[in-house]
């Protein structure tokens, strides 16, 4: 029953991958399974071949010497090798299915869609606006220093601070800067995290996970690496790509009841094309970054941890 369920699950993801548009094959293939230059599939295949040769040699040795313990060990390791091979194929199918989903939502593979989405949100609605607020605050403070001196130096001194109210404008911009900085810092950290996940997943988690799973006394540690790879390399970028698709769908759709409004409502909720730096739209810009800066990362973290723990427990159950 378990074997039938596993085969049905694999066939389901294969059908999802094959149902994608024709251009999807250019984006979601085995070459894009790892980072550029990381031919991990070749090294893992070599590890499978070497393990198969060692198991075959141990089995022949047990038959030649009539050693039942070695024969049982060889059969157990052969079973674990078969599980590892099917697990690797399953990861490929999962990545293909996730890539197909990301392509449907964002038109790119998961990592490219995640980077482009965070880059656009950060540089257009984040850093640019933060720079304008900082320059504006400094400019207002400089304007507030304007002073017209009208006194007679030997007798008395007096004057007129004609732009003292500019300090209030500067304070307003500083308040917005304090509100904006955490969101910008969060988006920047997420962008760096995506790059780190792609490198660590392809160069560390995937190859070391399968190699350690083939060794009996490091098998559980290898299971943890494989579960982490699934959660970080497949789940995280796919959810970022889905978020990018949702953001693009929301911001590209006009508001029917306010199509003829003269107010700049939700103008800054989409990516800023440049030039619109009015303080009146800053709160809308902050609103466009807060979901990705606060809510969505926590949601992705919950889903990823749940997937990693579930897969790790499942792999532990299959280990002999």
C-alpha atoms as a PDB file:
ATOM      1  CA  UNK A   1       0.000   0.000   0.000  1.00  0.00           C
ATOM      2  CA  UNK A   2       2.814   2.387   0.883  1.00  0.00           C
ATOM      3  CA  UNK A   3       4.603   1.607  -2.380  1.00  0.00           C
ATOM      4  CA  UNK A   4       1.431   2.303  -4.376  1.00  0.00           C
ATOM      5  CA  UNK A   5       0.953   5.611  -2.563  1.00  0.00           C
ATOM      6  CA  UNK A   6       4.563   6.611  -3.241  1.00  0.00           C
ATOM      7  CA  UNK A   7       4.297   5.742  -6.934  1.00  0.00           C
ATOM      8  CA  UNK A   8       1.008   7.642  -7.181  1.00  0.00           C
ATOM      9  CA  UNK A   9       2.593  10.689  -5.520  1.00  0.00           C
ATOM     10  CA  UNK A  10       5.564  10.651  -7.910  1.00  0.00           C
ATOM     11  CA  UNK A  11       3.267  10.252 -10.916  1.00  0.00           C
ATOM     12  CA  UNK A  12       1.182  13.193  -9.698  1.00  0.00           C
ATOM     13  CA  UNK A  13       4.193  15.524  -9.629  1.00  0.00           C
ATOM     14  CA  UNK A  14       5.403  14.232 -12.981  1.00  0.00           C
ATOM     15  CA  UNK A  15       2.012  15.024 -14.496  1.00  0.00           C
ATOM     16  CA  UNK A  16       2.096  18.507 -12.934  1.00  0.00           C
ATOM     17  CA  UNK A  17       5.487  19.127 -14.503  1.00  0.00           C
ATOM     18  CA  UNK A  18       4.406  17.890 -17.917  1.00  0.00           C
ATOM     19  CA  UNK A  19       1.287  20.071 -17.829  1.00  0.00           C
ATOM     20  CA  UNK A  20       3.343  23.275 -17.793  1.00  0.00           C
ATOM     21  CA  UNK A  21       3.650  25.511 -20.879  1.00  0.00           C
ATOM     22  CA  UNK A  22       6.272  24.607 -23.512  1.00  0.00           C
ATOM     23  CA  UNK A  23       8.607  27.441 -22.453  1.00  0.00           C
ATOM     24  CA  UNK A  24       8.698  25.977 -18.964  1.00  0.00           C
ATOM     25  CA  UNK A  25      11.162  23.309 -20.183  1.00  0.00           C
ATOM     26  CA  UNK A  26      13.719  26.034 -20.825  1.00  0.00           C
ATOM     27  CA  UNK A  27      13.512  27.174 -17.213  1.00  0.00           C
ATOM     28  CA  UNK A  28      12.842  24.024 -15.168  1.00  0.00           C
ATOM     29  CA  UNK A  29      15.292  21.322 -16.124  1.00  0.00           C
ATOM     30  CA  UNK A  30      17.960  19.211 -14.459  1.00  0.00           C
ATOM     31  CA  UNK A  31      20.611  21.849 -15.170  1.00  0.00           C
ATOM     32  CA  UNK A  32      18.696  24.394 -13.091  1.00  0.00           C
ATOM     33  CA  UNK A  33      18.428  21.929 -10.207  1.00  0.00           C
ATOM     34  CA  UNK A  34      21.736  23.264  -8.856  1.00  0.00           C
ATOM     35  CA  UNK A  35      23.531  26.542  -9.007  1.00  0.00           C
ATOM     36  CA  UNK A  36      25.559  27.352 -12.100  1.00  0.00           C
ATOM     37  CA  UNK A  37      28.725  25.281 -12.182  1.00  0.00           C
ATOM     38  CA  UNK A  38      27.612  22.878  -9.459  1.00  0.00           C
ATOM     39  CA  UNK A  39      27.252  19.498 -11.151  1.00  0.00           C
ATOM     40  CA  UNK A  40      25.930  17.803  -8.041  1.00  0.00           C
ATOM     41  CA  UNK A  41      23.844  15.268  -9.939  1.00  0.00           C
ATOM     42  CA  UNK A  42      27.004  13.759 -11.422  1.00  0.00           C
ATOM     43  CA  UNK A  43      28.727  13.434  -8.043  1.00  0.00           C
ATOM     44  CA  UNK A  44      25.669  11.905  -6.429  1.00  0.00           C
ATOM     45  CA  UNK A  45      25.370   9.425  -9.297  1.00  0.00           C
ATOM     46  CA  UNK A  46      29.022   8.468  -8.808  1.00  0.00           C
ATOM     47  CA  UNK A  47      28.363   7.977  -5.084  1.00  0.00           C
ATOM     48  CA  UNK A  48      25.456   5.665  -5.940  1.00  0.00           C
ATOM     49  CA  UNK A  49      27.656   3.682  -8.315  1.00  0.00           C
ATOM     50  CA  UNK A  50      30.472   3.281  -5.786  1.00  0.00           C
ATOM     51  CA  UNK A  51      28.025   2.223  -3.091  1.00  0.00           C
ATOM     52  CA  UNK A  52      26.453  -0.312  -5.446  1.00  0.00           C
ATOM     53  CA  UNK A  53      29.893  -1.758  -6.203  1.00  0.00           C
ATOM     54  CA  UNK A  54      30.739  -2.017  -2.488  1.00  0.00           C
ATOM     55  CA  UNK A  55      27.417  -3.702  -1.677  1.00  0.00           C
ATOM     56  CA  UNK A  56      27.870  -6.149  -4.560  1.00  0.00           C
ATOM     57  CA  UNK A  57      31.399  -6.972  -3.385  1.00  0.00           C
ATOM     58  CA  UNK A  58      30.175  -7.496   0.188  1.00  0.00           C
ATOM     59  CA  UNK A  59      27.362  -9.765  -1.014  1.00  0.00           C
ATOM     60  CA  UNK A  60      29.717 -11.877  -3.133  1.00  0.00           C
ATOM     61  CA  UNK A  61      32.129 -12.074  -0.192  1.00  0.00           C
ATOM     62  CA  UNK A  62      29.323 -13.297   2.076  1.00  0.00           C
ATOM     63  CA  UNK A  63      28.381 -15.998  -0.423  1.00  0.00           C
ATOM     64  CA  UNK A  64      31.978 -17.070  -0.923  1.00  0.00           C
ATOM     65  CA  UNK A  65      32.754 -17.215   2.814  1.00  0.00           C
ATOM     66  CA  UNK A  66      29.221 -18.232   3.852  1.00  0.00           C
ATOM     67  CA  UNK A  67      29.009 -15.282   6.203  1.00  0.00           C
ATOM     68  CA  UNK A  68      25.338 -14.648   7.081  1.00  0.00           C
ATOM     69  CA  UNK A  69      26.033 -11.387   8.946  1.00  0.00           C
ATOM     70  CA  UNK A  70      27.716  -9.830   5.923  1.00  0.00           C
ATOM     71  CA  UNK A  71      24.868 -11.045   3.705  1.00  0.00           C
ATOM     72  CA  UNK A  72      22.242  -9.441   5.936  1.00  0.00           C
ATOM     73  CA  UNK A  73      24.265  -6.215   6.048  1.00  0.00           C
ATOM     74  CA  UNK A  74      24.577  -6.179   2.256  1.00  0.00           C
ATOM     75  CA  UNK A  75      20.817  -6.679   1.826  1.00  0.00           C
ATOM     76  CA  UNK A  76      20.022  -3.906   4.318  1.00  0.00           C
ATOM     77  CA  UNK A  77      22.401  -1.503   2.599  1.00  0.00           C
ATOM     78  CA  UNK A  78      20.984  -2.445  -0.797  1.00  0.00           C
ATOM     79  CA  UNK A  79      17.507  -1.559   0.496  1.00  0.00           C
ATOM     80  CA  UNK A  80      18.790   1.785   1.799  1.00  0.00           C
ATOM     81  CA  UNK A  81      20.498   2.439  -1.527  1.00  0.00           C
ATOM     82  CA  UNK A  82      17.246   1.832  -3.393  1.00  0.00           C
ATOM     83  CA  UNK A  83      15.448   4.197  -1.013  1.00  0.00           C
ATOM     84  CA  UNK A  84      18.164   6.827  -1.588  1.00  0.00           C
ATOM     85  CA  UNK A  85      17.871   6.515  -5.365  1.00  0.00           C
ATOM     86  CA  UNK A  86      14.091   6.890  -5.278  1.00  0.00           C
ATOM     87  CA  UNK A  87      14.503   9.775  -2.851  1.00  0.00           C
ATOM     88  CA  UNK A  88      16.836  11.552  -5.257  1.00  0.00           C
ATOM     89  CA  UNK A  89      14.437  11.009  -8.139  1.00  0.00           C
ATOM     90  CA  UNK A  90      11.607  12.276  -5.935  1.00  0.00           C
ATOM     91  CA  UNK A  91      13.555  15.450  -5.149  1.00  0.00           C
ATOM     92  CA  UNK A  92      14.079  16.028  -8.861  1.00  0.00           C
ATOM     93  CA  UNK A  93      10.360  15.599  -9.458  1.00  0.00           C
ATOM     94  CA  UNK A  94       9.485  17.874  -6.551  1.00  0.00           C
ATOM     95  CA  UNK A  95      11.864  20.531  -7.848  1.00  0.00           C
ATOM     96  CA  UNK A  96      10.366  20.224 -11.325  1.00  0.00           C
ATOM     97  CA  UNK A  97       6.850  20.541  -9.946  1.00  0.00           C
ATOM     98  CA  UNK A  98       7.816  23.512  -7.741  1.00  0.00           C
ATOM     99  CA  UNK A  99       9.576  25.145 -10.671  1.00  0.00           C
ATOM    100  CA  UNK A 100       6.474  24.653 -12.776  1.00  0.00           C
ATOM    101  CA  UNK A 101       4.367  26.365 -10.109  1.00  0.00           C
ATOM    102  CA  UNK A 102       6.853  29.249  -9.892  1.00  0.00           C
ATOM    103  CA  UNK A 103       6.879  29.589 -13.659  1.00  0.00           C
ATOM    104  CA  UNK A 104       3.074  29.755 -13.741  1.00  0.00           C
ATOM    105  CA  UNK A 105       3.072  32.489 -11.110  1.00  0.00           C
ATOM    106  CA  UNK A 106       6.156  34.542 -12.024  1.00  0.00           C
ATOM    107  CA  UNK A 107       7.395  33.310 -15.414  1.00  0.00           C
ATOM    108  CA  UNK A 108      10.818  32.324 -14.042  1.00  0.00           C
ATOM    109  CA  UNK A 109      12.453  29.604 -12.003  1.00  0.00           C
ATOM    110  CA  UNK A 110      11.945  29.966  -8.226  1.00  0.00           C
ATOM    111  CA  UNK A 111      15.292  31.584  -7.379  1.00  0.00           C
ATOM    112  CA  UNK A 112      15.276  34.063 -10.270  1.00  0.00           C
ATOM    113  CA  UNK A 113      11.669  35.050  -9.510  1.00  0.00           C
ATOM    114  CA  UNK A 114      12.470  35.496  -5.805  1.00  0.00           C
ATOM    115  CA  UNK A 115      15.520  37.657  -6.466  1.00  0.00           C
ATOM    116  CA  UNK A 116      13.798  39.841  -9.060  1.00  0.00           C
ATOM    117  CA  UNK A 117      10.772  40.323  -6.812  1.00  0.00           C
ATOM    118  CA  UNK A 118      12.812  41.300  -3.745  1.00  0.00           C
ATOM    119  CA  UNK A 119      15.168  43.453  -5.806  1.00  0.00           C
ATOM    120  CA  UNK A 120      12.306  45.371  -7.388  1.00  0.00           C
ATOM    121  CA  UNK A 121      10.450  45.822  -4.117  1.00  0.00           C
ATOM    122  CA  UNK A 122      13.585  46.825  -2.231  1.00  0.00           C
ATOM    123  CA  UNK A 123      15.202  49.164  -4.722  1.00  0.00           C
ATOM    124  CA  UNK A 124      12.054  50.862  -6.036  1.00  0.00           C
ATOM    125  CA  UNK A 125       9.741  51.051  -3.032  1.00  0.00           C
ATOM    126  CA  UNK A 126      12.384  50.689  -0.337  1.00  0.00           C
ATOM    127  CA  UNK A 127      15.831  52.165  -0.815  1.00  0.00           C
ATOM    128  CA  UNK A 128      14.795  54.896  -3.249  1.00  0.00           C
ATOM    129  CA  UNK A 129      12.123  56.216  -0.930  1.00  0.00           C
ATOM    130  CA  UNK A 130      14.401  55.957   2.088  1.00  0.00           C
ATOM    131  CA  UNK A 131      17.048  57.954   0.229  1.00  0.00           C
ATOM    132  CA  UNK A 132      14.527  60.642  -0.680  1.00  0.00           C
ATOM    133  CA  UNK A 133      13.334  60.893   2.912  1.00  0.00           C
ATOM    134  CA  UNK A 134      16.901  61.193   4.210  1.00  0.00           C
ATOM    135  CA  UNK A 135      17.855  63.882   1.683  1.00  0.00           C
ATOM    136  CA  UNK A 136      14.573  65.689   2.343  1.00  0.00           C
ATOM    137  CA  UNK A 137      15.112  65.681   6.106  1.00  0.00           C
ATOM    138  CA  UNK A 138      18.621  67.089   5.761  1.00  0.00           C
ATOM    139  CA  UNK A 139      17.412  69.710   3.289  1.00  0.00           C
ATOM    140  CA  UNK A 140      14.605  70.784   5.661  1.00  0.00           C
ATOM    141  CA  UNK A 141      17.043  71.094   8.539  1.00  0.00           C
ATOM    142  CA  UNK A 142      19.315  73.273   6.428  1.00  0.00           C
ATOM    143  CA  UNK A 143      16.363  75.420   5.369  1.00  0.00           C
ATOM    144  CA  UNK A 144      15.347  75.846   8.995  1.00  0.00           C
ATOM    145  CA  UNK A 145      18.672  77.573   9.709  1.00  0.00           C
ATOM    146  CA  UNK A 146      17.714  80.552   7.540  1.00  0.00           C
ATOM    147  CA  UNK A 147      17.679  83.706   9.697  1.00  0.00           C
ATOM    148  CA  UNK A 148      17.119  87.340   8.773  1.00  0.00           C
ATOM    149  CA  UNK A 149      19.116  89.610  11.073  1.00  0.00           C
ATOM    150  CA  UNK A 150      17.448  93.038  11.629  1.00  0.00           C
ATOM    151  CA  UNK A 151      19.179  94.385  14.722  1.00  0.00           C
ATOM    152  CA  UNK A 152      21.796  97.107  15.179  1.00  0.00           C
ATOM    153  CA  UNK A 153      25.005  95.429  16.359  1.00  0.00           C
ATOM    154  CA  UNK A 154      26.199  98.055  18.828  1.00  0.00           C
ATOM    155  CA  UNK A 155      22.773  98.559  20.412  1.00  0.00           C
ATOM    156  CA  UNK A 156      20.668  95.368  20.204  1.00  0.00           C
ATOM    157  CA  UNK A 157      20.355  92.180  18.210  1.00  0.00           C
ATOM    158  CA  UNK A 158      17.187  90.679  16.810  1.00  0.00           C
ATOM    159  CA  UNK A 159      15.970  88.967  13.676  1.00  0.00           C
ATOM    160  CA  UNK A 160      13.405  86.714  12.021  1.00  0.00           C
ATOM    161  CA  UNK A 161      13.599  82.925  11.624  1.00  0.00           C
ATOM    162  CA  UNK A 162      11.428  82.758   8.548  1.00  0.00           C
ATOM    163  CA  UNK A 163      11.702  78.984   7.980  1.00  0.00           C
ATOM    164  CA  UNK A 164      11.700  77.617  11.512  1.00  0.00           C
ATOM    165  CA  UNK A 165       8.668  75.475  10.668  1.00  0.00           C
ATOM    166  CA  UNK A 166      10.895  73.371   8.387  1.00  0.00           C
ATOM    167  CA  UNK A 167      12.092  71.564  11.508  1.00  0.00           C
ATOM    168  CA  UNK A 168       8.621  70.080  11.817  1.00  0.00           C
ATOM    169  CA  UNK A 169       8.812  68.783   8.238  1.00  0.00           C
ATOM    170  CA  UNK A 170      12.236  67.312   9.007  1.00  0.00           C
ATOM    171  CA  UNK A 171      10.873  65.605  12.124  1.00  0.00           C
ATOM    172  CA  UNK A 172       8.050  64.115  10.054  1.00  0.00           C
ATOM    173  CA  UNK A 173      10.498  62.645   7.562  1.00  0.00           C
ATOM    174  CA  UNK A 174      12.666  61.255  10.371  1.00  0.00           C
ATOM    175  CA  UNK A 175       9.596  59.550  11.830  1.00  0.00           C
ATOM    176  CA  UNK A 176       8.923  57.922   8.455  1.00  0.00           C
ATOM    177  CA  UNK A 177      12.583  56.879   8.201  1.00  0.00           C
ATOM    178  CA  UNK A 178      12.350  55.162  11.603  1.00  0.00           C
ATOM    179  CA  UNK A 179       9.220  53.388  10.409  1.00  0.00           C
ATOM    180  CA  UNK A 180      10.769  52.415   7.086  1.00  0.00           C
ATOM    181  CA  UNK A 181      14.193  51.144   8.202  1.00  0.00           C
ATOM    182  CA  UNK A 182      13.052  47.777   9.710  1.00  0.00           C
ATOM    183  CA  UNK A 183      11.134  46.908   6.540  1.00  0.00           C
ATOM    184  CA  UNK A 184      14.110  47.729   4.308  1.00  0.00           C
ATOM    185  CA  UNK A 185      16.457  45.767   6.583  1.00  0.00           C
ATOM    186  CA  UNK A 186      14.115  42.756   6.478  1.00  0.00           C
ATOM    187  CA  UNK A 187      13.877  42.805   2.662  1.00  0.00           C
ATOM    188  CA  UNK A 188      17.665  43.111   2.364  1.00  0.00           C
ATOM    189  CA  UNK A 189      18.179  40.159   4.715  1.00  0.00           C
ATOM    190  CA  UNK A 190      15.690  38.065   2.712  1.00  0.00           C
ATOM    191  CA  UNK A 191      17.518  38.873  -0.524  1.00  0.00           C
ATOM    192  CA  UNK A 192      20.845  37.759   0.950  1.00  0.00           C
ATOM    193  CA  UNK A 193      19.150  34.690   2.419  1.00  0.00           C
ATOM    194  CA  UNK A 194      17.868  33.587  -0.999  1.00  0.00           C
ATOM    195  CA  UNK A 195      21.408  33.745  -2.431  1.00  0.00           C
ATOM    196  CA  UNK A 196      22.789  31.849   0.573  1.00  0.00           C
ATOM    197  CA  UNK A 197      20.114  29.160   0.315  1.00  0.00           C
ATOM    198  CA  UNK A 198      20.868  28.563  -3.355  1.00  0.00           C
ATOM    199  CA  UNK A 199      24.594  28.151  -2.718  1.00  0.00           C
ATOM    200  CA  UNK A 200      24.356  26.153   0.524  1.00  0.00           C
ATOM    201  CA  UNK A 201      21.587  23.935  -0.796  1.00  0.00           C
ATOM    202  CA  UNK A 202      23.396  23.010  -4.025  1.00  0.00           C
ATOM    203  CA  UNK A 203      26.959  22.770  -2.719  1.00  0.00           C
ATOM    204  CA  UNK A 204      26.458  21.511   0.844  1.00  0.00           C
ATOM    205  CA  UNK A 205      23.048  20.110   1.786  1.00  0.00           C
ATOM    206  CA  UNK A 206      22.279  18.028  -1.308  1.00  0.00           C
ATOM    207  CA  UNK A 207      25.647  16.292  -1.971  1.00  0.00           C
ATOM    208  CA  UNK A 208      26.650  15.846   1.669  1.00  0.00           C
ATOM    209  CA  UNK A 209      23.134  14.746   2.586  1.00  0.00           C
ATOM    210  CA  UNK A 210      23.118  11.850   0.133  1.00  0.00           C
ATOM    211  CA  UNK A 211      26.730  10.866   0.810  1.00  0.00           C
ATOM    212  CA  UNK A 212      26.106  10.745   4.565  1.00  0.00           C
ATOM    213  CA  UNK A 213      22.872   8.835   4.023  1.00  0.00           C
ATOM    214  CA  UNK A 214      24.811   6.120   2.223  1.00  0.00           C
ATOM    215  CA  UNK A 215      27.095   5.672   5.250  1.00  0.00           C
ATOM    216  CA  UNK A 216      25.355   3.697   8.041  1.00  0.00           C
ATOM    217  CA  UNK A 217      26.605   5.629  11.081  1.00  0.00           C
ATOM    218  CA  UNK A 218      25.880   9.067   9.516  1.00  0.00           C
ATOM    219  CA  UNK A 219      22.565   8.115   7.936  1.00  0.00           C
ATOM    220  CA  UNK A 220      20.381  10.082  10.349  1.00  0.00           C
ATOM    221  CA  UNK A 221      22.527  13.176   9.891  1.00  0.00           C
ATOM    222  CA  UNK A 222      22.188  12.766   6.126  1.00  0.00           C
ATOM    223  CA  UNK A 223      18.417  12.555   6.517  1.00  0.00           C
ATOM    224  CA  UNK A 224      18.467  15.905   8.311  1.00  0.00           C
ATOM    225  CA  UNK A 225      20.487  17.462   5.476  1.00  0.00           C
ATOM    226  CA  UNK A 226      18.100  16.109   2.850  1.00  0.00           C
ATOM    227  CA  UNK A 227      15.061  17.367   4.783  1.00  0.00           C
ATOM    228  CA  UNK A 228      16.705  20.790   5.130  1.00  0.00           C
ATOM    229  CA  UNK A 229      17.457  20.798   1.409  1.00  0.00           C
ATOM    230  CA  UNK A 230      13.834  20.080   0.584  1.00  0.00           C
ATOM    231  CA  UNK A 231      12.564  22.824   2.859  1.00  0.00           C
ATOM    232  CA  UNK A 232      15.129  25.499   1.986  1.00  0.00           C
ATOM    233  CA  UNK A 233      15.865  24.801  -1.693  1.00  0.00           C
ATOM    234  CA  UNK A 234      12.362  23.879  -2.855  1.00  0.00           C
ATOM    235  CA  UNK A 235       9.736  25.242  -0.465  1.00  0.00           C
ATOM    236  CA  UNK A 236      11.248  28.659   0.380  1.00  0.00           C
ATOM    237  CA  UNK A 237      11.983  29.994  -3.159  1.00  0.00           C
ATOM    238  CA  UNK A 238       8.720  28.577  -4.492  1.00  0.00           C
ATOM    239  CA  UNK A 239       6.710  30.461  -1.875  1.00  0.00           C
ATOM    240  CA  UNK A 240       8.682  33.631  -2.611  1.00  0.00           C
ATOM    241  CA  UNK A 241       7.893  33.204  -6.313  1.00  0.00           C
ATOM    242  CA  UNK A 242       4.199  32.718  -5.509  1.00  0.00           C
ATOM    243  CA  UNK A 243       4.312  35.873  -3.406  1.00  0.00           C
ATOM    244  CA  UNK A 244       5.850  37.716  -6.354  1.00  0.00           C
ATOM    245  CA  UNK A 245       3.043  36.534  -8.615  1.00  0.00           C
ATOM    246  CA  UNK A 246       0.391  37.586  -6.118  1.00  0.00           C
ATOM    247  CA  UNK A 247       2.006  41.020  -5.656  1.00  0.00           C
ATOM    248  CA  UNK A 248       2.147  41.558  -9.400  1.00  0.00           C
ATOM    249  CA  UNK A 249      -1.472  40.488  -9.799  1.00  0.00           C
ATOM    250  CA  UNK A 250      -2.660  42.865  -7.068  1.00  0.00           C
ATOM    251  CA  UNK A 251      -0.683  45.891  -8.198  1.00  0.00           C
ATOM    252  CA  UNK A 252      -1.488  45.490 -11.879  1.00  0.00           C
ATOM    253  CA  UNK A 253      -5.227  45.448 -11.295  1.00  0.00           C
ATOM    254  CA  UNK A 254      -6.883  48.903 -11.058  1.00  0.00           C
ATOM    255  CA  UNK A 255      -9.451  49.689  -8.401  1.00  0.00           C
ATOM    256  CA  UNK A 256     -12.870  49.889 -10.169  1.00  0.00           C
ATOM    257  CA  UNK A 257     -14.554  52.253  -7.726  1.00  0.00           C
ATOM    258  CA  UNK A 258     -11.627  54.653  -7.827  1.00  0.00           C
ATOM    259  CA  UNK A 259     -10.671  54.525 -11.484  1.00  0.00           C
ATOM    260  CA  UNK A 260     -11.612  58.192 -11.957  1.00  0.00           C
ATOM    261  CA  UNK A 261     -10.378  59.432  -8.580  1.00  0.00           C
ATOM    262  CA  UNK A 262      -8.048  62.394  -8.505  1.00  0.00           C
ATOM    263  CA  UNK A 263      -6.393  61.084  -5.332  1.00  0.00           C
ATOM    264  CA  UNK A 264      -3.139  59.138  -5.749  1.00  0.00           C
ATOM    265  CA  UNK A 265      -4.718  56.163  -4.062  1.00  0.00           C
ATOM    266  CA  UNK A 266      -2.544  53.060  -4.056  1.00  0.00           C
ATOM    267  CA  UNK A 267      -0.197  54.650  -6.555  1.00  0.00           C
ATOM    268  CA  UNK A 268       2.830  53.725  -4.529  1.00  0.00           C
ATOM    269  CA  UNK A 269       1.606  50.231  -3.728  1.00  0.00           C
ATOM    270  CA  UNK A 270       3.025  49.112  -7.037  1.00  0.00           C
ATOM    271  CA  UNK A 271       6.680  49.309  -8.012  1.00  0.00           C
ATOM    272  CA  UNK A 272       7.754  52.946  -8.182  1.00  0.00           C
ATOM    273  CA  UNK A 273       8.706  53.915 -11.756  1.00  0.00           C
ATOM    274  CA  UNK A 274      10.587  56.906 -10.374  1.00  0.00           C
ATOM    275  CA  UNK A 275       9.692  60.520  -9.814  1.00  0.00           C
ATOM    276  CA  UNK A 276       6.826  60.086  -7.358  1.00  0.00           C
ATOM    277  CA  UNK A 277       8.447  60.911  -4.041  1.00  0.00           C
ATOM    278  CA  UNK A 278       5.683  62.891  -2.388  1.00  0.00           C
ATOM    279  CA  UNK A 279       5.461  62.402   1.359  1.00  0.00           C
ATOM    280  CA  UNK A 280       1.707  61.808   0.896  1.00  0.00           C
ATOM    281  CA  UNK A 281       2.446  58.465  -0.768  1.00  0.00           C
ATOM    282  CA  UNK A 282       5.074  57.235   1.708  1.00  0.00           C
ATOM    283  CA  UNK A 283       2.604  55.328   3.847  1.00  0.00           C
ATOM    284  CA  UNK A 284       1.342  53.496   0.785  1.00  0.00           C
ATOM    285  CA  UNK A 285       4.916  52.589  -0.085  1.00  0.00           C
ATOM    286  CA  UNK A 286       5.522  51.342   3.427  1.00  0.00           C
ATOM    287  CA  UNK A 287       2.320  49.329   3.133  1.00  0.00           C
ATOM    288  CA  UNK A 288       3.621  47.651  -0.030  1.00  0.00           C
ATOM    289  CA  UNK A 289       6.767  46.452   1.753  1.00  0.00           C
ATOM    290  CA  UNK A 290       5.339  45.424   5.133  1.00  0.00           C
ATOM    291  CA  UNK A 291       3.635  42.162   4.015  1.00  0.00           C
ATOM    292  CA  UNK A 292       6.865  40.855   2.499  1.00  0.00           C
ATOM    293  CA  UNK A 293       8.965  42.302   5.312  1.00  0.00           C
ATOM    294  CA  UNK A 294       6.953  40.888   8.231  1.00  0.00           C
ATOM    295  CA  UNK A 295       4.044  38.571   7.480  1.00  0.00           C
ATOM    296  CA  UNK A 296       5.173  36.460   4.525  1.00  0.00           C
ATOM    297  CA  UNK A 297       8.621  35.495   5.975  1.00  0.00           C
ATOM    298  CA  UNK A 298       6.929  34.197   9.134  1.00  0.00           C
ATOM    299  CA  UNK A 299       4.433  32.222   7.066  1.00  0.00           C
ATOM    300  CA  UNK A 300       7.253  30.734   4.972  1.00  0.00           C
ATOM    301  CA  UNK A 301       9.190  29.892   8.141  1.00  0.00           C
ATOM    302  CA  UNK A 302       6.226  28.003   9.607  1.00  0.00           C
ATOM    303  CA  UNK A 303       5.612  26.025   6.408  1.00  0.00           C
ATOM    304  CA  UNK A 304       9.320  25.260   5.947  1.00  0.00           C
ATOM    305  CA  UNK A 305       9.871  24.035   9.518  1.00  0.00           C
ATOM    306  CA  UNK A 306       6.764  21.864   9.292  1.00  0.00           C
ATOM    307  CA  UNK A 307       7.925  20.310   6.002  1.00  0.00           C
ATOM    308  CA  UNK A 308      11.475  19.734   7.263  1.00  0.00           C
ATOM    309  CA  UNK A 309      10.325  17.993  10.444  1.00  0.00           C
ATOM    310  CA  UNK A 310       7.784  15.839   8.593  1.00  0.00           C
ATOM    311  CA  UNK A 311      10.280  14.739   5.935  1.00  0.00           C
ATOM    312  CA  UNK A 312      12.976  14.044   8.519  1.00  0.00           C
ATOM    313  CA  UNK A 313      10.603  11.787  10.481  1.00  0.00           C
ATOM    314  CA  UNK A 314       9.572  10.011   7.284  1.00  0.00           C
ATOM    315  CA  UNK A 315      13.208   9.401   6.304  1.00  0.00           C
ATOM    316  CA  UNK A 316      14.025   8.101   9.767  1.00  0.00           C
ATOM    317  CA  UNK A 317      11.168   5.622   9.437  1.00  0.00           C
ATOM    318  CA  UNK A 318      12.568   4.270   6.154  1.00  0.00           C
ATOM    319  CA  UNK A 319      16.134   3.865   7.476  1.00  0.00           C
ATOM    320  CA  UNK A 320      17.273   0.350   8.374  1.00  0.00           C
END
